[in-house]
ModelCIF file with pLDDT and N, C-alpha, C, O atoms, coordinates in Angstrom:
data_MODEL
#
_entry.id   MODEL 
#
_entity.id                         1 
_entity.type                       polymer 
_entity.pdbx_number_of_molecules   1 
#
_entity_poly.entity_id                      1 
_entity_poly.type                           'polypeptide(L)' 
_entity_poly.nstd_linkage                   no 
_entity_poly.nstd_monomer                   no 
_entity_poly.pdbx_seq_one_letter_code       
;(UNK)(UNK)(UNK)(UNK)(UNK)(UNK)(UNK)(UNK)(UNK)(UNK)(UNK)(UNK)(UNK)(UNK)(UNK)(UNK)
(UNK)(UNK)(UNK)(UNK)(UNK)(UNK)(UNK)(UNK)(UNK)(UNK)(UNK)(UNK)(UNK)(UNK)(UNK)(UNK)
(UNK)(UNK)(UNK)(UNK)(UNK)
;
_entity_poly.pdbx_seq_one_letter_code_can   XXXXXXXXXXXXXXXXXXXXXXXXXXXXXXXXXXXXX 
_entity_poly.pdbx_strand_id                 A 
#
loop_
_entity_poly_seq.entity_id 
_entity_poly_seq.num 
_entity_poly_seq.mon_id 
_entity_poly_seq.hetero 
1 1  UNK n 
1 2  UNK n 
1 3  UNK n 
1 4  UNK n 
1 5  UNK n 
1 6  UNK n 
1 7  UNK n 
1 8  UNK n 
1 9  UNK n 
1 10 UNK n 
1 11 UNK n 
1 12 UNK n 
1 13 UNK n 
1 14 UNK n 
1 15 UNK n 
1 16 UNK n 
1 17 UNK n 
1 18 UNK n 
1 19 UNK n 
1 20 UNK n 
1 21 UNK n 
1 22 UNK n 
1 23 UNK n 
1 24 UNK n 
1 25 UNK n 
1 26 UNK n 
1 27 UNK n 
1 28 UNK n 
1 29 UNK n 
1 30 UNK n 
1 31 UNK n 
1 32 UNK n 
1 33 UNK n 
1 34 UNK n 
1 35 UNK n 
1 36 UNK n 
1 37 UNK n 
#
_struct_asym.id          A 
_struct_asym.entity_id   1 
#
loop_
_ma_qa_metric.id 
_ma_qa_metric.mode 
_ma_qa_metric.name 
_ma_qa_metric.software_group_id 
_ma_qa_metric.type 
1 global pLDDT . pLDDT 
2 local  pLDDT . pLDDT 
#
_ma_qa_metric_global.metric_id      1 
_ma_qa_metric_global.metric_value   96.54 
_ma_qa_metric_global.model_id       1 
_ma_qa_metric_global.ordinal_id     1 
#
loop_
_ma_qa_metric_local.label_asym_id 
_ma_qa_metric_local.label_comp_id 
_ma_qa_metric_local.label_seq_id 
_ma_qa_metric_local.metric_id 
_ma_qa_metric_local.metric_value 
_ma_qa_metric_local.model_id 
_ma_qa_metric_local.ordinal_id 
A UNK 1  2 90.00 1 1  
A UNK 2  2 91.00 1 2  
A UNK 3  2 91.00 1 3  
A UNK 4  2 92.00 1 4  
A UNK 5  2 93.00 1 5  
A UNK 6  2 93.00 1 6  
A UNK 7  2 95.00 1 7  
A UNK 8  2 95.00 1 8  
A UNK 9  2 96.00 1 9  
A UNK 10 2 97.00 1 10 
A UNK 11 2 97.00 1 11 
A UNK 12 2 97.00 1 12 
A UNK 13 2 98.00 1 13 
A UNK 14 2 98.00 1 14 
A UNK 15 2 98.00 1 15 
A UNK 16 2 98.00 1 16 
A UNK 17 2 98.00 1 17 
A UNK 18 2 98.00 1 18 
A UNK 19 2 98.00 1 19 
A UNK 20 2 98.00 1 20 
A UNK 21 2 98.00 1 21 
A UNK 22 2 98.00 1 22 
A UNK 23 2 98.00 1 23 
A UNK 24 2 98.00 1 24 
A UNK 25 2 98.00 1 25 
A UNK 26 2 98.00 1 26 
A UNK 27 2 98.00 1 27 
A UNK 28 2 98.00 1 28 
A UNK 29 2 98.00 1 29 
A UNK 30 2 98.00 1 30 
A UNK 31 2 98.00 1 31 
A UNK 32 2 98.00 1 32 
A UNK 33 2 98.00 1 33 
A UNK 34 2 97.00 1 34 
A UNK 35 2 97.00 1 35 
A UNK 36 2 97.00 1 36 
A UNK 37 2 96.00 1 37 
#
loop_
_atom_site.group_PDB 
_atom_site.id 
_atom_site.type_symbol 
_atom_site.label_atom_id 
_atom_site.label_alt_id 
_atom_site.label_comp_id 
_atom_site.label_asym_id 
_atom_site.label_entity_id 
_atom_site.label_seq_id 
_atom_site.pdbx_PDB_ins_code 
_atom_site.Cartn_x 
_atom_site.Cartn_y 
_atom_site.Cartn_z 
_atom_site.occupancy 
_atom_site.B_iso_or_equiv 
_atom_site.pdbx_formal_charge 
_atom_site.auth_seq_id 
_atom_site.auth_comp_id 
_atom_site.auth_asym_id 
_atom_site.auth_atom_id 
_atom_site.pdbx_PDB_model_num 
ATOM 1   N N  . UNK A 1 1  ? 8.306   -3.401 31.217  1.00 90.00 ? 1  UNK A N  1 
ATOM 2   C CA . UNK A 1 1  ? 7.037   -3.495 30.479  1.00 90.00 ? 1  UNK A CA 1 
ATOM 3   C C  . UNK A 1 1  ? 6.455   -2.110 30.218  1.00 90.00 ? 1  UNK A C  1 
ATOM 4   O O  . UNK A 1 1  ? 5.974   -1.825 29.121  1.00 90.00 ? 1  UNK A O  1 
ATOM 5   N N  . UNK A 1 2  ? 6.502   -1.257 31.235  1.00 91.00 ? 2  UNK A N  1 
ATOM 6   C CA . UNK A 1 2  ? 5.985   0.104  31.073  1.00 91.00 ? 2  UNK A CA 1 
ATOM 7   C C  . UNK A 1 2  ? 6.796   0.853  30.020  1.00 91.00 ? 2  UNK A C  1 
ATOM 8   O O  . UNK A 1 2  ? 6.242   1.591  29.206  1.00 91.00 ? 2  UNK A O  1 
ATOM 9   N N  . UNK A 1 3  ? 8.103   0.658  30.043  1.00 91.00 ? 3  UNK A N  1 
ATOM 10  C CA . UNK A 1 3  ? 8.968   1.315  29.062  1.00 91.00 ? 3  UNK A CA 1 
ATOM 11  C C  . UNK A 1 3  ? 8.650   0.809  27.657  1.00 91.00 ? 3  UNK A C  1 
ATOM 12  O O  . UNK A 1 3  ? 8.610   1.588  26.705  1.00 91.00 ? 3  UNK A O  1 
ATOM 13  N N  . UNK A 1 4  ? 8.422   -0.502 27.533  1.00 92.00 ? 4  UNK A N  1 
ATOM 14  C CA . UNK A 1 4  ? 8.064   -1.073 26.224  1.00 92.00 ? 4  UNK A CA 1 
ATOM 15  C C  . UNK A 1 4  ? 6.732   -0.514 25.739  1.00 92.00 ? 4  UNK A C  1 
ATOM 16  O O  . UNK A 1 4  ? 6.589   -0.155 24.570  1.00 92.00 ? 4  UNK A O  1 
ATOM 17  N N  . UNK A 1 5  ? 5.758   -0.444 26.645  1.00 93.00 ? 5  UNK A N  1 
ATOM 18  C CA . UNK A 1 5  ? 4.439   0.077  26.285  1.00 93.00 ? 5  UNK A CA 1 
ATOM 19  C C  . UNK A 1 5  ? 4.531   1.540  25.872  1.00 93.00 ? 5  UNK A C  1 
ATOM 20  O O  . UNK A 1 5  ? 3.903   1.963  24.902  1.00 93.00 ? 5  UNK A O  1 
ATOM 21  N N  . UNK A 1 6  ? 5.322   2.308  26.621  1.00 93.00 ? 6  UNK A N  1 
ATOM 22  C CA . UNK A 1 6  ? 5.483   3.729  26.309  1.00 93.00 ? 6  UNK A CA 1 
ATOM 23  C C  . UNK A 1 6  ? 6.165   3.892  24.956  1.00 93.00 ? 6  UNK A C  1 
ATOM 24  O O  . UNK A 1 6  ? 5.781   4.747  24.158  1.00 93.00 ? 6  UNK A O  1 
ATOM 25  N N  . UNK A 1 7  ? 7.168   3.076  24.706  1.00 95.00 ? 7  UNK A N  1 
ATOM 26  C CA . UNK A 1 7  ? 7.873   3.118  23.429  1.00 95.00 ? 7  UNK A CA 1 
ATOM 27  C C  . UNK A 1 7  ? 6.940   2.739  22.288  1.00 95.00 ? 7  UNK A C  1 
ATOM 28  O O  . UNK A 1 7  ? 6.940   3.390  21.243  1.00 95.00 ? 7  UNK A O  1 
ATOM 29  N N  . UNK A 1 8  ? 6.155   1.705  22.478  1.00 95.00 ? 8  UNK A N  1 
ATOM 30  C CA . UNK A 1 8  ? 5.201   1.274  21.451  1.00 95.00 ? 8  UNK A CA 1 
ATOM 31  C C  . UNK A 1 8  ? 4.162   2.357  21.214  1.00 95.00 ? 8  UNK A C  1 
ATOM 32  O O  . UNK A 1 8  ? 3.767   2.601  20.074  1.00 95.00 ? 8  UNK A O  1 
ATOM 33  N N  . UNK A 1 9  ? 3.715   3.010  22.284  1.00 96.00 ? 9  UNK A N  1 
ATOM 34  C CA . UNK A 1 9  ? 2.733   4.088  22.166  1.00 96.00 ? 9  UNK A CA 1 
ATOM 35  C C  . UNK A 1 9  ? 3.329   5.258  21.381  1.00 96.00 ? 9  UNK A C  1 
ATOM 36  O O  . UNK A 1 9  ? 2.653   5.860  20.547  1.00 96.00 ? 9  UNK A O  1 
ATOM 37  N N  . UNK A 1 10 ? 4.598   5.578  21.653  1.00 97.00 ? 10 UNK A N  1 
ATOM 38  C CA . UNK A 1 10 ? 5.256   6.674  20.936  1.00 97.00 ? 10 UNK A CA 1 
ATOM 39  C C  . UNK A 1 10 ? 5.416   6.329  19.461  1.00 97.00 ? 10 UNK A C  1 
ATOM 40  O O  . UNK A 1 10 ? 5.207   7.180  18.596  1.00 97.00 ? 10 UNK A O  1 
ATOM 41  N N  . UNK A 1 11 ? 5.784   5.087  19.171  1.00 97.00 ? 11 UNK A N  1 
ATOM 42  C CA . UNK A 1 11 ? 5.919   4.657  17.782  1.00 97.00 ? 11 UNK A CA 1 
ATOM 43  C C  . UNK A 1 11 ? 4.581   4.742  17.057  1.00 97.00 ? 11 UNK A C  1 
ATOM 44  O O  . UNK A 1 11 ? 4.519   5.165  15.902  1.00 97.00 ? 11 UNK A O  1 
ATOM 45  N N  . UNK A 1 12 ? 3.511   4.338  17.738  1.00 97.00 ? 12 UNK A N  1 
ATOM 46  C CA . UNK A 1 12 ? 2.176   4.408  17.156  1.00 97.00 ? 12 UNK A CA 1 
ATOM 47  C C  . UNK A 1 12 ? 1.800   5.859  16.857  1.00 97.00 ? 12 UNK A C  1 
ATOM 48  O O  . UNK A 1 12 ? 1.278   6.162  15.784  1.00 97.00 ? 12 UNK A O  1 
ATOM 49  N N  . UNK A 1 13 ? 2.067   6.744  17.804  1.00 98.00 ? 13 UNK A N  1 
ATOM 50  C CA . UNK A 1 13 ? 1.763   8.159  17.606  1.00 98.00 ? 13 UNK A CA 1 
ATOM 51  C C  . UNK A 1 13 ? 2.553   8.726  16.428  1.00 98.00 ? 13 UNK A C  1 
ATOM 52  O O  . UNK A 1 13 ? 2.012   9.470  15.610  1.00 98.00 ? 13 UNK A O  1 
ATOM 53  N N  . UNK A 1 14 ? 3.841   8.366  16.347  1.00 98.00 ? 14 UNK A N  1 
ATOM 54  C CA . UNK A 1 14 ? 4.667   8.857  15.245  1.00 98.00 ? 14 UNK A CA 1 
ATOM 55  C C  . UNK A 1 14 ? 4.146   8.348  13.906  1.00 98.00 ? 14 UNK A C  1 
ATOM 56  O O  . UNK A 1 14 ? 4.087   9.098  12.931  1.00 98.00 ? 14 UNK A O  1 
ATOM 57  N N  . UNK A 1 15 ? 3.769   7.077  13.863  1.00 98.00 ? 15 UNK A N  1 
ATOM 58  C CA . UNK A 1 15 ? 3.253   6.494  12.620  1.00 98.00 ? 15 UNK A CA 1 
ATOM 59  C C  . UNK A 1 15 ? 1.934   7.150  12.225  1.00 98.00 ? 15 UNK A C  1 
ATOM 60  O O  . UNK A 1 15 ? 1.716   7.472  11.057  1.00 98.00 ? 15 UNK A O  1 
ATOM 61  N N  . UNK A 1 16 ? 1.053   7.345  13.216  1.00 98.00 ? 16 UNK A N  1 
ATOM 62  C CA . UNK A 1 16 ? -0.224  7.984  12.941  1.00 98.00 ? 16 UNK A CA 1 
ATOM 63  C C  . UNK A 1 16 ? -0.025  9.413  12.451  1.00 98.00 ? 16 UNK A C  1 
ATOM 64  O O  . UNK A 1 16 ? -0.713  9.866  11.536  1.00 98.00 ? 16 UNK A O  1 
ATOM 65  N N  . UNK A 1 17 ? 0.920   10.119 13.068  1.00 98.00 ? 17 UNK A N  1 
ATOM 66  C CA . UNK A 1 17 ? 1.191   11.489 12.646  1.00 98.00 ? 17 UNK A CA 1 
ATOM 67  C C  . UNK A 1 17 ? 1.709   11.514 11.212  1.00 98.00 ? 17 UNK A C  1 
ATOM 68  O O  . UNK A 1 17 ? 1.300   12.360 10.417  1.00 98.00 ? 17 UNK A O  1 
ATOM 69  N N  . UNK A 1 18 ? 2.606   10.593 10.879  1.00 98.00 ? 18 UNK A N  1 
ATOM 70  C CA . UNK A 1 18 ? 3.132   10.510 9.517   1.00 98.00 ? 18 UNK A CA 1 
ATOM 71  C C  . UNK A 1 18 ? 2.013   10.207 8.521   1.00 98.00 ? 18 UNK A C  1 
ATOM 72  O O  . UNK A 1 18 ? 1.970   10.779 7.432   1.00 98.00 ? 18 UNK A O  1 
ATOM 73  N N  . UNK A 1 19 ? 1.110   9.304  8.902   1.00 98.00 ? 19 UNK A N  1 
ATOM 74  C CA . UNK A 1 19 ? -0.024  8.967  8.028   1.00 98.00 ? 19 UNK A CA 1 
ATOM 75  C C  . UNK A 1 19 ? -0.941  10.171 7.840   1.00 98.00 ? 19 UNK A C  1 
ATOM 76  O O  . UNK A 1 19 ? -1.431  10.422 6.740   1.00 98.00 ? 19 UNK A O  1 
ATOM 77  N N  . UNK A 1 20 ? -1.165  10.901 8.909   1.00 98.00 ? 20 UNK A N  1 
ATOM 78  C CA . UNK A 1 20 ? -2.024  12.089 8.824   1.00 98.00 ? 20 UNK A CA 1 
ATOM 79  C C  . UNK A 1 20 ? -1.393  13.133 7.913   1.00 98.00 ? 20 UNK A C  1 
ATOM 80  O O  . UNK A 1 20 ? -2.080  13.737 7.089   1.00 98.00 ? 20 UNK A O  1 
ATOM 81  N N  . UNK A 1 21 ? -0.086  13.348 8.057   1.00 98.00 ? 21 UNK A N  1 
ATOM 82  C CA . UNK A 1 21 ? 0.592   14.313 7.196   1.00 98.00 ? 21 UNK A CA 1 
ATOM 83  C C  . UNK A 1 21 ? 0.539   13.882 5.733   1.00 98.00 ? 21 UNK A C  1 
ATOM 84  O O  . UNK A 1 21 ? 0.330   14.707 4.843   1.00 98.00 ? 21 UNK A O  1 
ATOM 85  N N  . UNK A 1 22 ? 0.727   12.596 5.494   1.00 98.00 ? 22 UNK A N  1 
ATOM 86  C CA . UNK A 1 22 ? 0.679   12.082 4.123   1.00 98.00 ? 22 UNK A CA 1 
ATOM 87  C C  . UNK A 1 22 ? -0.723  12.262 3.541   1.00 98.00 ? 22 UNK A C  1 
ATOM 88  O O  . UNK A 1 22 ? -0.874  12.692 2.397   1.00 98.00 ? 22 UNK A O  1 
ATOM 89  N N  . UNK A 1 23 ? -1.730  11.938 4.319   1.00 98.00 ? 23 UNK A N  1 
ATOM 90  C CA . UNK A 1 23 ? -3.114  12.098 3.866   1.00 98.00 ? 23 UNK A CA 1 
ATOM 91  C C  . UNK A 1 23 ? -3.426  13.573 3.611   1.00 98.00 ? 23 UNK A C  1 
ATOM 92  O O  . UNK A 1 23 ? -4.086  13.912 2.630   1.00 98.00 ? 23 UNK A O  1 
ATOM 93  N N  . UNK A 1 24 ? -2.955  14.430 4.485   1.00 98.00 ? 24 UNK A N  1 
ATOM 94  C CA . UNK A 1 24 ? -3.171  15.858 4.326   1.00 98.00 ? 24 UNK A CA 1 
ATOM 95  C C  . UNK A 1 24 ? -2.535  16.360 3.030   1.00 98.00 ? 24 UNK A C  1 
ATOM 96  O O  . UNK A 1 24 ? -3.123  17.177 2.320   1.00 98.00 ? 24 UNK A O  1 
ATOM 97  N N  . UNK A 1 25 ? -1.340  15.872 2.726   1.00 98.00 ? 25 UNK A N  1 
ATOM 98  C CA . UNK A 1 25 ? -0.644  16.262 1.497   1.00 98.00 ? 25 UNK A CA 1 
ATOM 99  C C  . UNK A 1 25 ? -1.444  15.815 0.263   1.00 98.00 ? 25 UNK A C  1 
ATOM 100 O O  . UNK A 1 25 ? -1.620  16.580 -0.685  1.00 98.00 ? 25 UNK A O  1 
ATOM 101 N N  . UNK A 1 26 ? -1.921  14.569 0.294   1.00 98.00 ? 26 UNK A N  1 
ATOM 102 C CA . UNK A 1 26 ? -2.701  14.028 -0.822  1.00 98.00 ? 26 UNK A CA 1 
ATOM 103 C C  . UNK A 1 26 ? -3.995  14.829 -0.999  1.00 98.00 ? 26 UNK A C  1 
ATOM 104 O O  . UNK A 1 26 ? -4.364  15.179 -2.120  1.00 98.00 ? 26 UNK A O  1 
ATOM 105 N N  . UNK A 1 27 ? -4.671  15.112 0.099   1.00 98.00 ? 27 UNK A N  1 
ATOM 106 C CA . UNK A 1 27 ? -5.930  15.853 0.021   1.00 98.00 ? 27 UNK A CA 1 
ATOM 107 C C  . UNK A 1 27 ? -5.702  17.280 -0.477  1.00 98.00 ? 27 UNK A C  1 
ATOM 108 O O  . UNK A 1 27 ? -6.523  17.814 -1.223  1.00 98.00 ? 27 UNK A O  1 
ATOM 109 N N  . UNK A 1 28 ? -4.606  17.892 -0.075  1.00 98.00 ? 28 UNK A N  1 
ATOM 110 C CA . UNK A 1 28 ? -4.286  19.245 -0.540  1.00 98.00 ? 28 UNK A CA 1 
ATOM 111 C C  . UNK A 1 28 ? -4.032  19.246 -2.043  1.00 98.00 ? 28 UNK A C  1 
ATOM 112 O O  . UNK A 1 28 ? -4.487  20.141 -2.755  1.00 98.00 ? 28 UNK A O  1 
ATOM 113 N N  . UNK A 1 29 ? -3.308  18.244 -2.519  1.00 98.00 ? 29 UNK A N  1 
ATOM 114 C CA . UNK A 1 29 ? -3.050  18.125 -3.959  1.00 98.00 ? 29 UNK A CA 1 
ATOM 115 C C  . UNK A 1 29 ? -4.363  17.920 -4.727  1.00 98.00 ? 29 UNK A C  1 
ATOM 116 O O  . UNK A 1 29 ? -4.580  18.536 -5.771  1.00 98.00 ? 29 UNK A O  1 
ATOM 117 N N  . UNK A 1 30 ? -5.221  17.062 -4.210  1.00 98.00 ? 30 UNK A N  1 
ATOM 118 C CA . UNK A 1 30 ? -6.508  16.804 -4.851  1.00 98.00 ? 30 UNK A CA 1 
ATOM 119 C C  . UNK A 1 30 ? -7.358  18.076 -4.891  1.00 98.00 ? 30 UNK A C  1 
ATOM 120 O O  . UNK A 1 30 ? -7.973  18.397 -5.908  1.00 98.00 ? 30 UNK A O  1 
ATOM 121 N N  . UNK A 1 31 ? -7.378  18.784 -3.775  1.00 98.00 ? 31 UNK A N  1 
ATOM 122 C CA . UNK A 1 31 ? -8.149  20.027 -3.708  1.00 98.00 ? 31 UNK A CA 1 
ATOM 123 C C  . UNK A 1 31 ? -7.621  21.030 -4.740  1.00 98.00 ? 31 UNK A C  1 
ATOM 124 O O  . UNK A 1 31 ? -8.399  21.712 -5.407  1.00 98.00 ? 31 UNK A O  1 
ATOM 125 N N  . UNK A 1 32 ? -6.307  21.112 -4.860  1.00 98.00 ? 32 UNK A N  1 
ATOM 126 C CA . UNK A 1 32 ? -5.711  22.034 -5.834  1.00 98.00 ? 32 UNK A CA 1 
ATOM 127 C C  . UNK A 1 32 ? -6.089  21.635 -7.267  1.00 98.00 ? 32 UNK A C  1 
ATOM 128 O O  . UNK A 1 32 ? -6.413  22.491 -8.090  1.00 98.00 ? 32 UNK A O  1 
ATOM 129 N N  . UNK A 1 33 ? -6.043  20.330 -7.555  1.00 98.00 ? 33 UNK A N  1 
ATOM 130 C CA . UNK A 1 33 ? -6.409  19.849 -8.892  1.00 98.00 ? 33 UNK A CA 1 
ATOM 131 C C  . UNK A 1 33 ? -7.878  20.191 -9.194  1.00 98.00 ? 33 UNK A C  1 
ATOM 132 O O  . UNK A 1 33 ? -8.206  20.655 -10.286 1.00 98.00 ? 33 UNK A O  1 
ATOM 133 N N  . UNK A 1 34 ? -8.737  19.955 -8.221  1.00 97.00 ? 34 UNK A N  1 
ATOM 134 C CA . UNK A 1 34 ? -10.158 20.253 -8.425  1.00 97.00 ? 34 UNK A CA 1 
ATOM 135 C C  . UNK A 1 34 ? -10.390 21.753 -8.595  1.00 97.00 ? 34 UNK A C  1 
ATOM 136 O O  . UNK A 1 34 ? -11.231 22.168 -9.392  1.00 97.00 ? 34 UNK A O  1 
ATOM 137 N N  . UNK A 1 35 ? -9.662  22.545 -7.860  1.00 97.00 ? 35 UNK A N  1 
ATOM 138 C CA . UNK A 1 35 ? -9.798  23.995 -7.981  1.00 97.00 ? 35 UNK A CA 1 
ATOM 139 C C  . UNK A 1 35 ? -9.328  24.466 -9.359  1.00 97.00 ? 35 UNK A C  1 
ATOM 140 O O  . UNK A 1 35 ? -9.968  25.310 -9.987  1.00 97.00 ? 35 UNK A O  1 
ATOM 141 N N  . UNK A 1 36 ? -8.196  23.909 -9.823  1.00 97.00 ? 36 UNK A N  1 
ATOM 142 C CA . UNK A 1 36 ? -7.701  24.255 -11.156 1.00 97.00 ? 36 UNK A CA 1 
ATOM 143 C C  . UNK A 1 36 ? -8.729  23.881 -12.230 1.00 97.00 ? 36 UNK A C  1 
ATOM 144 O O  . UNK A 1 36 ? -8.982  24.657 -13.151 1.00 97.00 ? 36 UNK A O  1 
ATOM 145 N N  . UNK A 1 37 ? -9.315  22.691 -12.104 1.00 96.00 ? 37 UNK A N  1 
ATOM 146 C CA . UNK A 1 37 ? -10.325 22.246 -13.061 1.00 96.00 ? 37 UNK A CA 1 
ATOM 147 C C  . UNK A 1 37 ? -11.541 23.171 -13.009 1.00 96.00 ? 37 UNK A C  1 
ATOM 148 O O  . UNK A 1 37 ? -12.506 22.963 -13.744 1.00 96.00 ? 37 UNK A O  1 
#
């Protein structure tokens, strides 16, 4: 059970990190577009 919980926690962290990176990329692109405008 502990191993399953740890694995699930790691998967959650990886997913959250991927989402944060994706959001950061989108926000950087938006900022660049606004700066160009």
